[in-house]
PDB file of all heavy atoms in Angstrom:
ATOM      1  N   VAL A   1       0.859  -1.197   0.019  1.00  0.00           N
ATOM      2  CA  VAL A   1      -0.006  -0.014   0.006  1.00  0.00           C
ATOM      3  C   VAL A   1       0.878   1.288  -0.004  1.00  0.00           C
ATOM      4  O   VAL A   1       2.052   1.180   0.345  1.00  0.00           O
ATOM      5  CB  VAL A   1      -0.949   0.036   1.236  1.00  0.00           C
ATOM      6  CG1 VAL A   1      -1.973  -1.092   1.201  1.00  0.00           C
ATOM      7  CG2 VAL A   1      -0.140  -0.037   2.524  1.00  0.00           C
ATOM      8  N   ASP A   2       0.223   2.378  -0.417  1.00  0.00           N
ATOM      9  CA  ASP A   2       0.933   3.647  -0.357  1.00  0.00           C
ATOM     10  C   ASP A   2      -0.058   4.739  -0.175  1.00  0.00           C
ATOM     11  O   ASP A   2      -1.285   4.453   0.045  1.00  0.00           O
ATOM     12  CB  ASP A   2       1.859   3.880  -1.591  1.00  0.00           C
ATOM     13  CG  ASP A   2       1.068   3.920  -2.854  1.00  0.00           C
ATOM     14  OD1 ASP A   2      -0.158   3.985  -2.830  1.00  0.00           O
ATOM     15  OD2 ASP A   2       1.709   3.923  -3.955  1.00  0.00           O
ATOM     16  N   LYS A   3       0.400   5.966  -0.296  1.00  0.00           N
ATOM     17  CA  LYS A   3      -0.527   7.142  -0.105  1.00  0.00           C
ATOM     18  C   LYS A   3      -1.645   7.229  -1.175  1.00  0.00           C
ATOM     19  O   LYS A   3      -2.619   7.910  -0.988  1.00  0.00           O
ATOM     20  CB  LYS A   3       0.268   8.448  -0.016  1.00  0.00           C
ATOM     21  CG  LYS A   3       0.898   8.818  -1.356  1.00  0.00           C
ATOM     22  CD  LYS A   3       1.657  10.131  -1.228  1.00  0.00           C
ATOM     23  CE  LYS A   3       2.265  10.558  -2.569  1.00  0.00           C
ATOM     24  NZ  LYS A   3       3.011  11.867  -2.481  1.00  0.00           N
ATOM     25  N   GLY A   4      -1.477   6.535  -2.278  1.00  0.00           N
ATOM     26  CA  GLY A   4      -2.476   6.446  -3.310  1.00  0.00           C
ATOM     27  C   GLY A   4      -3.499   5.318  -3.103  1.00  0.00           C
ATOM     28  O   GLY A   4      -4.413   5.202  -3.899  1.00  0.00           O
ATOM     29  N   SER A   5      -3.317   4.491  -2.094  1.00  0.00           N
ATOM     30  CA  SER A   5      -4.280   3.400  -1.827  1.00  0.00           C
ATOM     31  C   SER A   5      -5.415   4.003  -1.002  1.00  0.00           C
ATOM     32  O   SER A   5      -5.203   4.537   0.089  1.00  0.00           O
ATOM     33  CB  SER A   5      -3.573   2.298  -1.018  1.00  0.00           C
ATOM     34  OG  SER A   5      -2.439   1.805  -1.643  1.00  0.00           O
ATOM     35  N   ALA A   6      -6.629   3.925  -1.529  1.00  0.00           N
ATOM     36  CA  ALA A   6      -7.738   4.634  -0.880  1.00  0.00           C
ATOM     37  C   ALA A   6      -9.013   3.796  -0.953  1.00  0.00           C
ATOM     38  O   ALA A   6      -9.146   2.863  -1.726  1.00  0.00           O
ATOM     39  CB  ALA A   6      -7.983   5.992  -1.543  1.00  0.00           C
ATOM     40  N   SER A   7      -9.932   4.114  -0.028  1.00  0.00           N
ATOM     41  CA  SER A   7     -11.296   3.582  -0.086  1.00  0.00           C
ATOM     42  C   SER A   7     -11.317   2.054  -0.017  1.00  0.00           C
ATOM     43  O   SER A   7     -10.997   1.495   0.975  1.00  0.00           O
ATOM     44  CB  SER A   7     -12.021   4.158  -1.349  1.00  0.00           C
ATOM     45  OG  SER A   7     -13.379   3.854  -1.321  1.00  0.00           O
ATOM     46  N   ALA A   8     -11.737   1.432  -1.120  1.00  0.00           N
ATOM     47  CA  ALA A   8     -11.841  -0.059  -1.144  1.00  0.00           C
ATOM     48  C   ALA A   8     -10.507  -0.722  -0.898  1.00  0.00           C
ATOM     49  O   ALA A   8     -10.408  -1.757  -0.289  1.00  0.00           O
ATOM     50  CB  ALA A   8     -12.449  -0.508  -2.487  1.00  0.00           C
ATOM     51  N   SER A   9      -9.410  -0.056  -1.384  1.00  0.00           N
ATOM     52  CA  SER A   9      -8.067  -0.550  -1.062  1.00  0.00           C
ATOM     53  C   SER A   9      -7.817  -0.567   0.461  1.00  0.00           C
ATOM     54  O   SER A   9      -7.178  -1.519   0.955  1.00  0.00           O
ATOM     55  CB  SER A   9      -7.007   0.265  -1.753  1.00  0.00           C
ATOM     56  OG  SER A   9      -7.030   0.047  -3.156  1.00  0.00           O
ATOM     57  N   GLU A  10      -8.292   0.442   1.140  1.00  0.00           N
ATOM     58  CA  GLU A  10      -8.111   0.528   2.572  1.00  0.00           C
ATOM     59  C   GLU A  10      -8.995  -0.429   3.322  1.00  0.00           C
ATOM     60  O   GLU A  10      -8.624  -0.913   4.421  1.00  0.00           O
ATOM     61  CB  GLU A  10      -8.381   1.933   3.044  1.00  0.00           C
ATOM     62  CG  GLU A  10      -7.354   2.933   2.445  1.00  0.00           C
ATOM     63  CD  GLU A  10      -7.638   4.426   2.783  1.00  0.00           C
ATOM     64  OE1 GLU A  10      -8.657   4.920   2.280  1.00  0.00           O
ATOM     65  OE2 GLU A  10      -6.844   5.005   3.530  1.00  0.00           O
ATOM     66  N   ILE A  11     -10.136  -0.780   2.757  1.00  0.00           N
ATOM     67  CA  ILE A  11     -10.985  -1.787   3.348  1.00  0.00           C
ATOM     68  C   ILE A  11     -10.282  -3.123   3.329  1.00  0.00           C
ATOM     69  O   ILE A  11     -10.106  -3.826   4.312  1.00  0.00           O
ATOM     70  CB  ILE A  11     -12.340  -1.902   2.704  1.00  0.00           C
ATOM     71  CG1 ILE A  11     -13.187  -0.636   2.906  1.00  0.00           C
ATOM     72  CG2 ILE A  11     -13.109  -3.125   3.117  1.00  0.00           C
ATOM     73  CD1 ILE A  11     -14.504  -0.576   2.195  1.00  0.00           C
ATOM     74  N   VAL A  12      -9.811  -3.546   2.150  1.00  0.00           N
ATOM     75  CA  VAL A  12      -9.129  -4.848   1.984  1.00  0.00           C
ATOM     76  C   VAL A  12      -7.849  -4.895   2.876  1.00  0.00           C
ATOM     77  O   VAL A  12      -7.668  -5.861   3.648  1.00  0.00           O
ATOM     78  CB  VAL A  12      -8.781  -5.142   0.522  1.00  0.00           C
ATOM     79  CG1 VAL A  12      -7.950  -6.365   0.401  1.00  0.00           C
ATOM     80  CG2 VAL A  12     -10.083  -5.288  -0.304  1.00  0.00           C
ATOM     81  N   SER A  13      -7.017  -3.894   2.769  1.00  0.00           N
ATOM     82  CA  SER A  13      -5.788  -3.925   3.561  1.00  0.00           C
ATOM     83  C   SER A  13      -6.115  -3.848   5.075  1.00  0.00           C
ATOM     84  O   SER A  13      -5.442  -4.535   5.890  1.00  0.00           O
ATOM     85  CB  SER A  13      -4.863  -2.785   3.171  1.00  0.00           C
ATOM     86  OG  SER A  13      -5.522  -1.514   3.233  1.00  0.00           O
ATOM     87  N   GLY A  14      -7.099  -3.006   5.444  1.00  0.00           N
ATOM     88  CA  GLY A  14      -7.434  -2.930   6.884  1.00  0.00           C
ATOM     89  C   GLY A  14      -8.072  -4.181   7.402  1.00  0.00           C
ATOM     90  O   GLY A  14      -7.781  -4.555   8.557  1.00  0.00           O
ATOM     91  N   VAL A  15      -8.887  -4.854   6.621  1.00  0.00           N
ATOM     92  CA  VAL A  15      -9.487  -6.152   7.031  1.00  0.00           C
ATOM     93  C   VAL A  15      -8.397  -7.211   7.252  1.00  0.00           C
ATOM     94  O   VAL A  15      -8.381  -7.924   8.224  1.00  0.00           O
ATOM     95  CB  VAL A  15     -10.486  -6.599   5.935  1.00  0.00           C
ATOM     96  CG1 VAL A  15     -10.860  -8.060   6.192  1.00  0.00           C
ATOM     97  CG2 VAL A  15     -11.727  -5.758   6.017  1.00  0.00           C
ATOM     98  N   MET A  16      -7.420  -7.261   6.331  1.00  0.00           N
ATOM     99  CA  MET A  16      -6.343  -8.207   6.454  1.00  0.00           C
ATOM    100  C   MET A  16      -5.519  -7.965   7.706  1.00  0.00           C
ATOM    101  O   MET A  16      -5.061  -8.850   8.418  1.00  0.00           O
ATOM    102  CB  MET A  16      -5.452  -8.220   5.274  1.00  0.00           C
ATOM    103  CG  MET A  16      -6.114  -8.643   3.948  1.00  0.00           C
ATOM    104  SD  MET A  16      -6.804 -10.312   3.940  1.00  0.00           S
ATOM    105  CE  MET A  16      -8.530  -9.903   3.731  1.00  0.00           C
ATOM    106  N   GLN A  17      -5.366  -6.668   8.048  1.00  0.00           N
ATOM    107  CA  GLN A  17      -4.621  -6.281   9.243  1.00  0.00           C
ATOM    108  C   GLN A  17      -5.435  -6.579  10.479  1.00  0.00           C
ATOM    109  O   GLN A  17      -4.892  -7.139  11.464  1.00  0.00           O
ATOM    110  CB  GLN A  17      -4.224  -4.815   9.181  1.00  0.00           C
ATOM    111  CG  GLN A  17      -3.262  -4.377  10.258  1.00  0.00           C
ATOM    112  CD  GLN A  17      -2.888  -2.912  10.105  1.00  0.00           C
ATOM    113  OE1 GLN A  17      -3.720  -2.021  10.177  1.00  0.00           O
ATOM    114  NE2 GLN A  17      -1.612  -2.643   9.879  1.00  0.00           N
ATOM    115  N   ASP A  18      -6.718  -6.233  10.494  1.00  0.00           N
ATOM    116  CA  ASP A  18      -7.570  -6.391  11.686  1.00  0.00           C
ATOM    117  C   ASP A  18      -7.737  -7.891  12.056  1.00  0.00           C
ATOM    118  O   ASP A  18      -7.840  -8.223  13.234  1.00  0.00           O
ATOM    119  CB  ASP A  18      -8.921  -5.722  11.438  1.00  0.00           C
ATOM    120  CG  ASP A  18      -8.859  -4.261  11.648  1.00  0.00           C
ATOM    121  OD1 ASP A  18      -7.825  -3.748  11.952  1.00  0.00           O
ATOM    122  OD2 ASP A  18      -9.920  -3.586  11.461  1.00  0.00           O
ATOM    123  N   TYR A  19      -7.800  -8.740  11.057  1.00  0.00           N
ATOM    124  CA  TYR A  19      -7.917 -10.200  11.300  1.00  0.00           C
ATOM    125  C   TYR A  19      -6.575 -10.888  11.356  1.00  0.00           C
ATOM    126  O   TYR A  19      -6.530 -12.128  11.435  1.00  0.00           O
ATOM    127  CB  TYR A  19      -8.786 -10.839  10.217  1.00  0.00           C
ATOM    128  CG  TYR A  19     -10.267 -10.557  10.370  1.00  0.00           C
ATOM    129  CD1 TYR A  19     -11.022 -10.048   9.326  1.00  0.00           C
ATOM    130  CD2 TYR A  19     -10.916 -10.774  11.577  1.00  0.00           C
ATOM    131  CE1 TYR A  19     -12.393  -9.804   9.434  1.00  0.00           C
ATOM    132  CE2 TYR A  19     -12.267 -10.512  11.733  1.00  0.00           C
ATOM    133  CZ  TYR A  19     -12.998 -10.029  10.690  1.00  0.00           C
ATOM    134  OH  TYR A  19     -14.352  -9.755  10.777  1.00  0.00           O
ATOM    135  N   ASP A  20      -5.465 -10.056  11.296  1.00  0.00           N
ATOM    136  CA  ASP A  20      -4.131 -10.646  11.315  1.00  0.00           C
ATOM    137  C   ASP A  20      -3.943 -11.727  10.251  1.00  0.00           C
ATOM    138  O   ASP A  20      -3.257 -12.717  10.487  1.00  0.00           O
ATOM    139  CB  ASP A  20      -3.815 -11.219  12.721  1.00  0.00           C
ATOM    140  CG  ASP A  20      -3.951 -10.175  13.853  1.00  0.00           C
ATOM    141  OD1 ASP A  20      -3.169  -9.218  13.814  1.00  0.00           O
ATOM    142  OD2 ASP A  20      -4.843 -10.312  14.660  1.00  0.00           O
ATOM    143  N   ARG A  21      -4.549 -11.432   9.092  1.00  0.00           N
ATOM    144  CA  ARG A  21      -4.501 -12.415   8.005  1.00  0.00           C
ATOM    145  C   ARG A  21      -3.321 -12.205   7.059  1.00  0.00           C
ATOM    146  O   ARG A  21      -2.947 -13.087   6.305  1.00  0.00           O
ATOM    147  CB  ARG A  21      -5.862 -12.366   7.224  1.00  0.00           C
ATOM    148  CG  ARG A  21      -5.952 -13.270   6.053  1.00  0.00           C
ATOM    149  CD  ARG A  21      -5.818 -14.706   6.439  1.00  0.00           C
ATOM    150  NE  ARG A  21      -5.713 -15.642   5.293  1.00  0.00           N
ATOM    151  CZ  ARG A  21      -4.540 -15.884   4.669  1.00  0.00           C
ATOM    152  NH1 ARG A  21      -3.423 -15.382   5.065  1.00  0.00           N
ATOM    153  NH2 ARG A  21      -4.568 -16.734   3.644  1.00  0.00           N
ATOM    154  N   GLY A  22      -2.764 -11.019   7.085  1.00  0.00           N
ATOM    155  CA  GLY A  22      -1.617 -10.723   6.214  1.00  0.00           C
ATOM    156  C   GLY A  22      -0.869  -9.505   6.718  1.00  0.00           C
ATOM    157  O   GLY A  22      -1.388  -8.748   7.561  1.00  0.00           O
ATOM    158  N   ILE A  23       0.325  -9.301   6.234  1.00  0.00           N
ATOM    159  CA  ILE A  23       1.113  -8.132   6.622  1.00  0.00           C
ATOM    160  C   ILE A  23       1.010  -7.005   5.624  1.00  0.00           C
ATOM    161  O   ILE A  23       0.886  -7.286   4.386  1.00  0.00           O
ATOM    162  CB  ILE A  23       2.567  -8.484   6.906  1.00  0.00           C
ATOM    163  CG1 ILE A  23       3.232  -9.062   5.597  1.00  0.00           C
ATOM    164  CG2 ILE A  23       2.741  -9.504   7.986  1.00  0.00           C
ATOM    165  CD1 ILE A  23       4.729  -9.168   5.668  1.00  0.00           C
ATOM    166  N   LEU A  24       0.996  -5.784   6.044  1.00  0.00           N
ATOM    167  CA  LEU A  24       0.964  -4.611   5.169  1.00  0.00           C
ATOM    168  C   LEU A  24       2.358  -4.015   5.124  1.00  0.00           C
ATOM    169  O   LEU A  24       2.992  -3.794   6.117  1.00  0.00           O
ATOM    170  CB  LEU A  24       0.010  -3.572   5.708  1.00  0.00           C
ATOM    171  CG  LEU A  24      -1.489  -3.712   5.306  1.00  0.00           C
ATOM    172  CD1 LEU A  24      -2.012  -5.133   5.684  1.00  0.00           C
ATOM    173  CD2 LEU A  24      -2.356  -2.674   5.944  1.00  0.00           C
ATOM    174  N   ILE A  25       2.832  -3.703   3.860  1.00  0.00           N
ATOM    175  CA  ILE A  25       4.121  -3.108   3.612  1.00  0.00           C
ATOM    176  C   ILE A  25       3.977  -1.894   2.783  1.00  0.00           C
ATOM    177  O   ILE A  25       3.209  -1.855   1.792  1.00  0.00           O
ATOM    178  CB  ILE A  25       4.988  -4.164   2.889  1.00  0.00           C
ATOM    179  CG1 ILE A  25       5.192  -5.447   3.715  1.00  0.00           C
ATOM    180  CG2 ILE A  25       6.338  -3.504   2.567  1.00  0.00           C
ATOM    181  CD1 ILE A  25       5.966  -6.536   3.001  1.00  0.00           C
ATOM    182  N   GLY A  26       4.676  -0.806   3.140  1.00  0.00           N
ATOM    183  CA  GLY A  26       4.665   0.382   2.289  1.00  0.00           C
ATOM    184  C   GLY A  26       4.492   1.654   3.119  1.00  0.00           C
ATOM    185  O   GLY A  26       5.228   1.815   4.112  1.00  0.00           O
ATOM    186  N   GLN A  27       3.647   2.511   2.697  1.00  0.00           N
ATOM    187  CA  GLN A  27       3.402   3.836   3.391  1.00  0.00           C
ATOM    188  C   GLN A  27       1.950   3.891   3.823  1.00  0.00           C
ATOM    189  O   GLN A  27       1.075   3.154   3.313  1.00  0.00           O
ATOM    190  CB  GLN A  27       3.762   5.022   2.460  1.00  0.00           C
ATOM    191  CG  GLN A  27       5.170   5.056   2.046  1.00  0.00           C
ATOM    192  CD  GLN A  27       5.452   4.209   0.815  1.00  0.00           C
ATOM    193  OE1 GLN A  27       4.717   4.237  -0.176  1.00  0.00           O
ATOM    194  NE2 GLN A  27       6.525   3.393   0.837  1.00  0.00           N
ATOM    195  N   ARG A  28       1.716   4.795   4.774  1.00  0.00           N
ATOM    196  CA  ARG A  28       0.299   5.024   5.253  1.00  0.00           C
ATOM    197  C   ARG A  28      -0.591   5.327   4.080  1.00  0.00           C
ATOM    198  O   ARG A  28      -0.215   6.089   3.171  1.00  0.00           O
ATOM    199  CB  ARG A  28       0.294   6.184   6.249  1.00  0.00           C
ATOM    200  CG  ARG A  28      -1.055   6.268   6.987  1.00  0.00           C
ATOM    201  CD  ARG A  28      -1.102   7.525   7.798  1.00  0.00           C
ATOM    202  NE  ARG A  28      -0.031   7.659   8.810  1.00  0.00           N
ATOM    203  CZ  ARG A  28      -0.101   7.089   9.995  1.00  0.00           C
ATOM    204  NH1 ARG A  28      -1.124   6.366  10.365  1.00  0.00           N
ATOM    205  NH2 ARG A  28       0.937   7.242  10.850  1.00  0.00           N
ATOM    206  N   THR A  29      -1.787   4.765   4.148  1.00  0.00           N
ATOM    207  CA  THR A  29      -2.744   4.916   3.018  1.00  0.00           C
ATOM    208  C   THR A  29      -3.427   6.287   3.073  1.00  0.00           C
ATOM    209  O   THR A  29      -3.199   7.030   4.018  1.00  0.00           O
ATOM    210  CB  THR A  29      -3.825   3.784   3.026  1.00  0.00           C
ATOM    211  OG1 THR A  29      -4.566   3.909   4.251  1.00  0.00           O
ATOM    212  CG2 THR A  29      -3.166   2.422   2.903  1.00  0.00           C
ATOM    213  N   TYR A  30      -4.235   6.534   2.078  1.00  0.00           N
ATOM    214  CA  TYR A  30      -4.828   7.921   1.887  1.00  0.00           C
ATOM    215  C   TYR A  30      -5.703   8.367   3.005  1.00  0.00           C
ATOM    216  O   TYR A  30      -5.587   9.496   3.480  1.00  0.00           O
ATOM    217  CB  TYR A  30      -5.597   7.901   0.568  1.00  0.00           C
ATOM    218  CG  TYR A  30      -6.194   9.247   0.190  1.00  0.00           C
ATOM    219  CD1 TYR A  30      -5.476  10.163  -0.492  1.00  0.00           C
ATOM    220  CD2 TYR A  30      -7.514   9.572   0.561  1.00  0.00           C
ATOM    221  CE1 TYR A  30      -5.959  11.388  -0.814  1.00  0.00           C
ATOM    222  CE2 TYR A  30      -8.034  10.810   0.188  1.00  0.00           C
ATOM    223  CZ  TYR A  30      -7.225  11.704  -0.489  1.00  0.00           C
ATOM    224  OH  TYR A  30      -7.801  12.903  -0.809  1.00  0.00           O
TER     225      TYR A  30
END
């Protein structure tokens, strides 16, 4: 993810993080 990841991208990445299903790499999202 990066600062251009927004909206639905943040849902998918946030869900993976909240359920500890995957790791997020990059920069804070939009």
